[in-house]
């Protein structure tokens, strides 16, 4: 389940990255005056890691209960 969540979030991040006209640039990533596609890509990337970690923790807790 955690791998599926990670794949979904990272797939969404990839599609957002491809949707950007000027592609991924570090200059836009560090520009905090406006919201850029790069900010959404990084947020989806990290949310995928957090979601996968939560799924792993819940799975381990369920195994310990039985």
PDB file of N, CA and C in Angstrom:
ATOM      1  N   UNK A   1       0.817  -1.185   0.000  1.00  0.00           N
ATOM      2  CA  UNK A   1       0.000   0.000   0.000  1.00  0.00           C
ATOM      3  C   UNK A   1       0.867   1.257   0.000  1.00  0.00           C
ATOM      4  N   UNK A   2       1.960   1.228   0.752  1.00  0.00           N
ATOM      5  CA  UNK A   2       2.802   2.421   0.821  1.00  0.00           C
ATOM      6  C   UNK A   2       3.478   2.705  -0.519  1.00  0.00           C
ATOM      7  N   UNK A   3       3.847   1.668  -1.235  1.00  0.00           N
ATOM      8  CA  UNK A   3       4.464   1.871  -2.545  1.00  0.00           C
ATOM      9  C   UNK A   3       3.448   2.450  -3.524  1.00  0.00           C
ATOM     10  N   UNK A   4       2.201   2.017  -3.426  1.00  0.00           N
ATOM     11  CA  UNK A   4       1.159   2.551  -4.297  1.00  0.00           C
ATOM     12  C   UNK A   4       0.909   4.029  -4.002  1.00  0.00           C
ATOM     13  N   UNK A   5       0.866   4.400  -2.728  1.00  0.00           N
ATOM     14  CA  UNK A   5       0.694   5.808  -2.378  1.00  0.00           C
ATOM     15  C   UNK A   5       1.856   6.652  -2.882  1.00  0.00           C
ATOM     16  N   UNK A   6       3.053   6.139  -2.703  1.00  0.00           N
ATOM     17  CA  UNK A   6       4.234   6.861  -3.170  1.00  0.00           C
ATOM     18  C   UNK A   6       4.190   7.034  -4.688  1.00  0.00           C
ATOM     19  N   UNK A   7       3.795   5.997  -5.402  1.00  0.00           N
ATOM     20  CA  UNK A   7       3.711   6.075  -6.864  1.00  0.00           C
ATOM     21  C   UNK A   7       2.650   7.072  -7.312  1.00  0.00           C
ATOM     22  N   UNK A   8       1.526   7.127  -6.618  1.00  0.00           N
ATOM     23  CA  UNK A   8       0.458   8.066  -6.981  1.00  0.00           C
ATOM     24  C   UNK A   8       0.926   9.509  -6.782  1.00  0.00           C
ATOM     25  N   UNK A   9       1.482   9.799  -5.628  1.00  0.00           N
ATOM     26  CA  UNK A   9       1.928  11.170  -5.354  1.00  0.00           C
ATOM     27  C   UNK A   9       3.062  11.583  -6.294  1.00  0.00           C
ATOM     28  N   UNK A  10       4.026  10.688  -6.508  1.00  0.00           N
ATOM     29  CA  UNK A  10       5.138  11.032  -7.381  1.00  0.00           C
ATOM     30  C   UNK A  10       4.689  11.099  -8.840  1.00  0.00           C
ATOM     31  N   UNK A  11       3.694  10.302  -9.215  1.00  0.00           N
ATOM     32  CA  UNK A  11       3.137  10.403 -10.562  1.00  0.00           C
ATOM     33  C   UNK A  11       2.448  11.740 -10.773  1.00  0.00           C
ATOM     34  N   UNK A  12       1.683  12.181  -9.772  1.00  0.00           N
ATOM     35  CA  UNK A  12       1.056  13.496  -9.854  1.00  0.00           C
ATOM     36  C   UNK A  12       2.105  14.604  -9.941  1.00  0.00           C
ATOM     37  N   UNK A  13       3.168  14.470  -9.164  1.00  0.00           N
ATOM     38  CA  UNK A  13       4.245  15.464  -9.216  1.00  0.00           C
ATOM     39  C   UNK A  13       4.885  15.485 -10.602  1.00  0.00           C
ATOM     40  N   UNK A  14       5.039  14.324 -11.207  1.00  0.00           N
ATOM     41  CA  UNK A  14       5.627  14.247 -12.547  1.00  0.00           C
ATOM     42  C   UNK A  14       4.725  14.923 -13.574  1.00  0.00           C
ATOM     43  N   UNK A  15       3.410  14.689 -13.478  1.00  0.00           N
ATOM     44  CA  UNK A  15       2.486  15.316 -14.420  1.00  0.00           C
ATOM     45  C   UNK A  15       2.437  16.834 -14.240  1.00  0.00           C
ATOM     46  N   UNK A  16       2.512  17.310 -13.010  1.00  0.00           N
ATOM     47  CA  UNK A  16       2.554  18.753 -12.784  1.00  0.00           C
ATOM     48  C   UNK A  16       3.850  19.322 -13.343  1.00  0.00           C
ATOM     49  N   UNK A  17       4.933  18.587 -13.190  1.00  0.00           N
ATOM     50  CA  UNK A  17       6.220  19.038 -13.706  1.00  0.00           C
ATOM     51  C   UNK A  17       6.184  19.113 -15.233  1.00  0.00           C
ATOM     52  N   UNK A  18       5.547  18.156 -15.886  1.00  0.00           N
ATOM     53  CA  UNK A  18       5.450  18.180 -17.340  1.00  0.00           C
ATOM     54  C   UNK A  18       4.520  19.277 -17.839  1.00  0.00           C
ATOM     55  N   UNK A  19       3.577  19.688 -16.996  1.00  0.00           N
ATOM     56  CA  UNK A  19       2.619  20.718 -17.374  1.00  0.00           C
ATOM     57  C   UNK A  19       3.240  22.112 -17.364  1.00  0.00           C
ATOM     58  N   UNK A  20       4.389  22.256 -16.733  1.00  0.00           N
ATOM     59  CA  UNK A  20       5.064  23.555 -16.646  1.00  0.00           C
ATOM     60  C   UNK A  20       5.658  23.910 -18.005  1.00  0.00           C
ATOM     61  N   UNK A  21       5.411  25.114 -18.466  1.00  0.00           N
ATOM     62  CA  UNK A  21       5.843  25.532 -19.799  1.00  0.00           C
ATOM     63  C   UNK A  21       7.370  25.612 -19.894  1.00  0.00           C
ATOM     64  N   UNK A  22       8.005  26.236 -18.914  1.00  0.00           N
ATOM     65  CA  UNK A  22       9.458  26.407 -18.980  1.00  0.00           C
ATOM     66  C   UNK A  22      10.210  25.294 -18.261  1.00  0.00           C
ATOM     67  N   UNK A  23       9.530  24.205 -17.960  1.00  0.00           N
ATOM     68  CA  UNK A  23      10.053  23.037 -17.263  1.00  0.00           C
ATOM     69  C   UNK A  23      10.533  23.434 -15.871  1.00  0.00           C
ATOM     70  N   UNK A  24      11.169  22.558 -15.190  1.00  0.00           N
ATOM     71  CA  UNK A  24      11.517  22.733 -13.785  1.00  0.00           C
ATOM     72  C   UNK A  24      12.768  23.598 -13.669  1.00  0.00           C
ATOM     73  N   UNK A  25      12.694  24.693 -12.920  1.00  0.00           N
ATOM     74  CA  UNK A  25      13.865  25.543 -12.727  1.00  0.00           C
ATOM     75  C   UNK A  25      14.054  25.837 -11.245  1.00  0.00           C
ATOM     76  N   UNK A  26      15.298  25.835 -10.827  1.00  0.00           N
ATOM     77  CA  UNK A  26      15.605  26.115  -9.431  1.00  0.00           C
ATOM     78  C   UNK A  26      15.330  27.569  -9.076  1.00  0.00           C
ATOM     79  N   UNK A  27      15.431  28.449 -10.044  1.00  0.00           N
ATOM     80  CA  UNK A  27      15.158  29.863  -9.791  1.00  0.00           C
ATOM     81  C   UNK A  27      13.702  30.047  -9.368  1.00  0.00           C
ATOM     82  N   UNK A  28      12.774  29.371 -10.052  1.00  0.00           N
ATOM     83  CA  UNK A  28      11.365  29.459  -9.664  1.00  0.00           C
ATOM     84  C   UNK A  28      11.100  28.753  -8.340  1.00  0.00           C
ATOM     85  N   UNK A  29      11.856  27.709  -8.064  1.00  0.00           N
ATOM     86  CA  UNK A  29      11.671  26.978  -6.808  1.00  0.00           C
ATOM     87  C   UNK A  29      11.976  27.865  -5.608  1.00  0.00           C
ATOM     88  N   UNK A  30      13.013  28.678  -5.712  1.00  0.00           N
ATOM     89  CA  UNK A  30      13.411  29.527  -4.593  1.00  0.00           C
ATOM     90  C   UNK A  30      12.764  30.909  -4.615  1.00  0.00           C
ATOM     91  N   UNK A  31      11.913  31.170  -5.603  1.00  0.00           N
ATOM     92  CA  UNK A  31      11.165  32.421  -5.665  1.00  0.00           C
ATOM     93  C   UNK A  31       9.916  32.273  -4.805  1.00  0.00           C
ATOM     94  N   UNK A  32       9.900  32.939  -3.663  1.00  0.00           N
ATOM     95  CA  UNK A  32       8.778  32.784  -2.726  1.00  0.00           C
ATOM     96  C   UNK A  32       7.742  33.896  -2.855  1.00  0.00           C
ATOM     97  N   UNK A  33       7.916  34.789  -3.812  1.00  0.00           N
ATOM     98  CA  UNK A  33       6.947  35.861  -3.987  1.00  0.00           C
ATOM     99  C   UNK A  33       5.664  35.357  -4.641  1.00  0.00           C
ATOM    100  N   UNK A  34       5.770  34.347  -5.486  1.00  0.00           N
ATOM    101  CA  UNK A  34       4.616  33.790  -6.184  1.00  0.00           C
ATOM    102  C   UNK A  34       4.639  32.273  -6.085  1.00  0.00           C
ATOM    103  N   UNK A  35       3.470  31.667  -6.283  1.00  0.00           N
ATOM    104  CA  UNK A  35       3.372  30.214  -6.320  1.00  0.00           C
ATOM    105  C   UNK A  35       3.720  29.728  -7.721  1.00  0.00           C
ATOM    106  N   UNK A  36       4.631  28.775  -7.803  1.00  0.00           N
ATOM    107  CA  UNK A  36       5.069  28.225  -9.082  1.00  0.00           C
ATOM    108  C   UNK A  36       4.772  26.733  -9.112  1.00  0.00           C
ATOM    109  N   UNK A  37       4.839  26.155 -10.310  1.00  0.00           N
ATOM    110  CA  UNK A  37       4.656  24.714 -10.454  1.00  0.00           C
ATOM    111  C   UNK A  37       5.688  23.950  -9.624  1.00  0.00           C
ATOM    112  N   UNK A  38       6.861  24.513  -9.520  1.00  0.00           N
ATOM    113  CA  UNK A  38       7.927  23.835  -8.786  1.00  0.00           C
ATOM    114  C   UNK A  38       7.566  23.632  -7.318  1.00  0.00           C
ATOM    115  N   UNK A  39       6.881  24.581  -6.723  1.00  0.00           N
ATOM    116  CA  UNK A  39       6.462  24.441  -5.322  1.00  0.00           C
ATOM    117  C   UNK A  39       5.473  23.295  -5.171  1.00  0.00           C
ATOM    118  N   UNK A  40       4.568  23.159  -6.118  1.00  0.00           N
ATOM    119  CA  UNK A  40       3.581  22.076  -6.070  1.00  0.00           C
ATOM    120  C   UNK A  40       4.265  20.730  -6.255  1.00  0.00           C
ATOM    121  N   UNK A  41       5.240  20.667  -7.156  1.00  0.00           N
ATOM    122  CA  UNK A  41       5.970  19.418  -7.388  1.00  0.00           C
ATOM    123  C   UNK A  41       6.692  18.972  -6.126  1.00  0.00           C
ATOM    124  N   UNK A  42       7.384  19.887  -5.474  1.00  0.00           N
ATOM    125  CA  UNK A  42       8.122  19.549  -4.249  1.00  0.00           C
ATOM    126  C   UNK A  42       7.153  19.151  -3.132  1.00  0.00           C
ATOM    127  N   UNK A  43       6.022  19.849  -3.021  1.00  0.00           N
ATOM    128  CA  UNK A  43       5.027  19.510  -2.005  1.00  0.00           C
ATOM    129  C   UNK A  43       4.464  18.110  -2.243  1.00  0.00           C
ATOM    130  N   UNK A  44       4.150  17.769  -3.484  1.00  0.00           N
ATOM    131  CA  UNK A  44       3.650  16.430  -3.789  1.00  0.00           C
ATOM    132  C   UNK A  44       4.712  15.366  -3.519  1.00  0.00           C
ATOM    133  N   UNK A  45       5.956  15.684  -3.825  1.00  0.00           N
ATOM    134  CA  UNK A  45       7.057  14.743  -3.576  1.00  0.00           C
ATOM    135  C   UNK A  45       7.156  14.408  -2.088  1.00  0.00           C
ATOM    136  N   UNK A  46       7.155  15.438  -1.243  1.00  0.00           N
ATOM    137  CA  UNK A  46       7.273  15.204   0.192  1.00  0.00           C
ATOM    138  C   UNK A  46       5.994  14.623   0.794  1.00  0.00           C
ATOM    139  N   UNK A  47       4.841  15.021   0.278  1.00  0.00           N
ATOM    140  CA  UNK A  47       3.583  14.431   0.763  1.00  0.00           C
ATOM    141  C   UNK A  47       3.520  12.944   0.443  1.00  0.00           C
ATOM    142  N   UNK A  48       4.079  12.550  -0.679  1.00  0.00           N
ATOM    143  CA  UNK A  48       4.148  11.129  -1.022  1.00  0.00           C
ATOM    144  C   UNK A  48       4.989  10.351  -0.024  1.00  0.00           C
ATOM    145  N   UNK A  49       6.107  10.918   0.377  1.00  0.00           N
ATOM    146  CA  UNK A  49       6.968  10.260   1.367  1.00  0.00           C
ATOM    147  C   UNK A  49       6.244  10.149   2.704  1.00  0.00           C
ATOM    148  N   UNK A  50       5.572  11.216   3.124  1.00  0.00           N
ATOM    149  CA  UNK A  50       4.844  11.197   4.397  1.00  0.00           C
ATOM    150  C   UNK A  50       3.690  10.195   4.350  1.00  0.00           C
ATOM    151  N   UNK A  51       2.935  10.170   3.261  1.00  0.00           N
ATOM    152  CA  UNK A  51       1.821   9.234   3.132  1.00  0.00           C
ATOM    153  C   UNK A  51       2.309   7.788   3.152  1.00  0.00           C
ATOM    154  N   UNK A  52       3.412   7.512   2.485  1.00  0.00           N
ATOM    155  CA  UNK A  52       3.964   6.156   2.492  1.00  0.00           C
ATOM    156  C   UNK A  52       4.443   5.770   3.887  1.00  0.00           C
ATOM    157  N   UNK A  53       5.055   6.699   4.593  1.00  0.00           N
ATOM    158  CA  UNK A  53       5.522   6.417   5.952  1.00  0.00           C
ATOM    159  C   UNK A  53       4.346   6.145   6.886  1.00  0.00           C
ATOM    160  N   UNK A  54       3.287   6.921   6.774  1.00  0.00           N
ATOM    161  CA  UNK A  54       2.100   6.702   7.607  1.00  0.00           C
ATOM    162  C   UNK A  54       1.485   5.343   7.311  1.00  0.00           C
ATOM    163  N   UNK A  55       1.414   4.972   6.038  1.00  0.00           N
ATOM    164  CA  UNK A  55       0.868   3.659   5.676  1.00  0.00           C
ATOM    165  C   UNK A  55       1.713   2.531   6.259  1.00  0.00           C
ATOM    166  N   UNK A  56       3.035   2.694   6.248  1.00  0.00           N
ATOM    167  CA  UNK A  56       3.910   1.676   6.837  1.00  0.00           C
ATOM    168  C   UNK A  56       3.711   1.576   8.346  1.00  0.00           C
ATOM    169  N   UNK A  57       3.597   2.713   9.008  1.00  0.00           N
ATOM    170  CA  UNK A  57       3.405   2.710  10.466  1.00  0.00           C
ATOM    171  C   UNK A  57       2.081   2.053  10.828  1.00  0.00           C
ATOM    172  N   UNK A  58       1.015   2.380  10.102  1.00  0.00           N
ATOM    173  CA  UNK A  58      -0.294   1.768  10.388  1.00  0.00           C
ATOM    174  C   UNK A  58      -0.265   0.266  10.147  1.00  0.00           C
ATOM    175  N   UNK A  59       0.431  -0.171   9.102  1.00  0.00           N
ATOM    176  CA  UNK A  59       0.516  -1.606   8.811  1.00  0.00           C
ATOM    177  C   UNK A  59       1.279  -2.333   9.921  1.00  0.00           C
ATOM    178  N   UNK A  60       2.344  -1.739  10.407  1.00  0.00           N
ATOM    179  CA  UNK A  60       3.104  -2.375  11.493  1.00  0.00           C
ATOM    180  C   UNK A  60       2.300  -2.416  12.785  1.00  0.00           C
ATOM    181  N   UNK A  61       1.524  -1.387  13.059  1.00  0.00           N
ATOM    182  CA  UNK A  61       0.700  -1.396  14.260  1.00  0.00           C
ATOM    183  C   UNK A  61      -0.380  -2.451  14.186  1.00  0.00           C
ATOM    184  N   UNK A  62      -0.960  -2.654  13.010  1.00  0.00           N
ATOM    185  CA  UNK A  62      -1.983  -3.698  12.851  1.00  0.00           C
ATOM    186  C   UNK A  62      -1.396  -5.085  13.033  1.00  0.00           C
ATOM    187  N   UNK A  63      -0.142  -5.289  12.561  1.00  0.00           N
ATOM    188  CA  UNK A  63       0.508  -6.595  12.736  1.00  0.00           C
ATOM    189  C   UNK A  63       0.794  -6.878  14.207  1.00  0.00           C
ATOM    190  N   UNK A  64       1.145  -5.838  14.970  1.00  0.00           N
ATOM    191  CA  UNK A  64       1.450  -6.025  16.389  1.00  0.00           C
ATOM    192  C   UNK A  64       0.206  -6.337  17.200  1.00  0.00           C
ATOM    193  N   UNK A  65      -0.959  -5.868  16.745  1.00  0.00           N
ATOM    194  CA  UNK A  65      -2.194  -6.092  17.491  1.00  0.00           C
ATOM    195  C   UNK A  65      -2.655  -7.536  17.411  1.00  0.00           C
ATOM    196  N   UNK A  66      -2.290  -8.246  16.330  1.00  0.00           N
ATOM    197  CA  UNK A  66      -2.748  -9.639  16.180  1.00  0.00           C
ATOM    198  C   UNK A  66      -1.855 -10.604  16.835  1.00  0.00           C
TER     199      UNK A  66
END
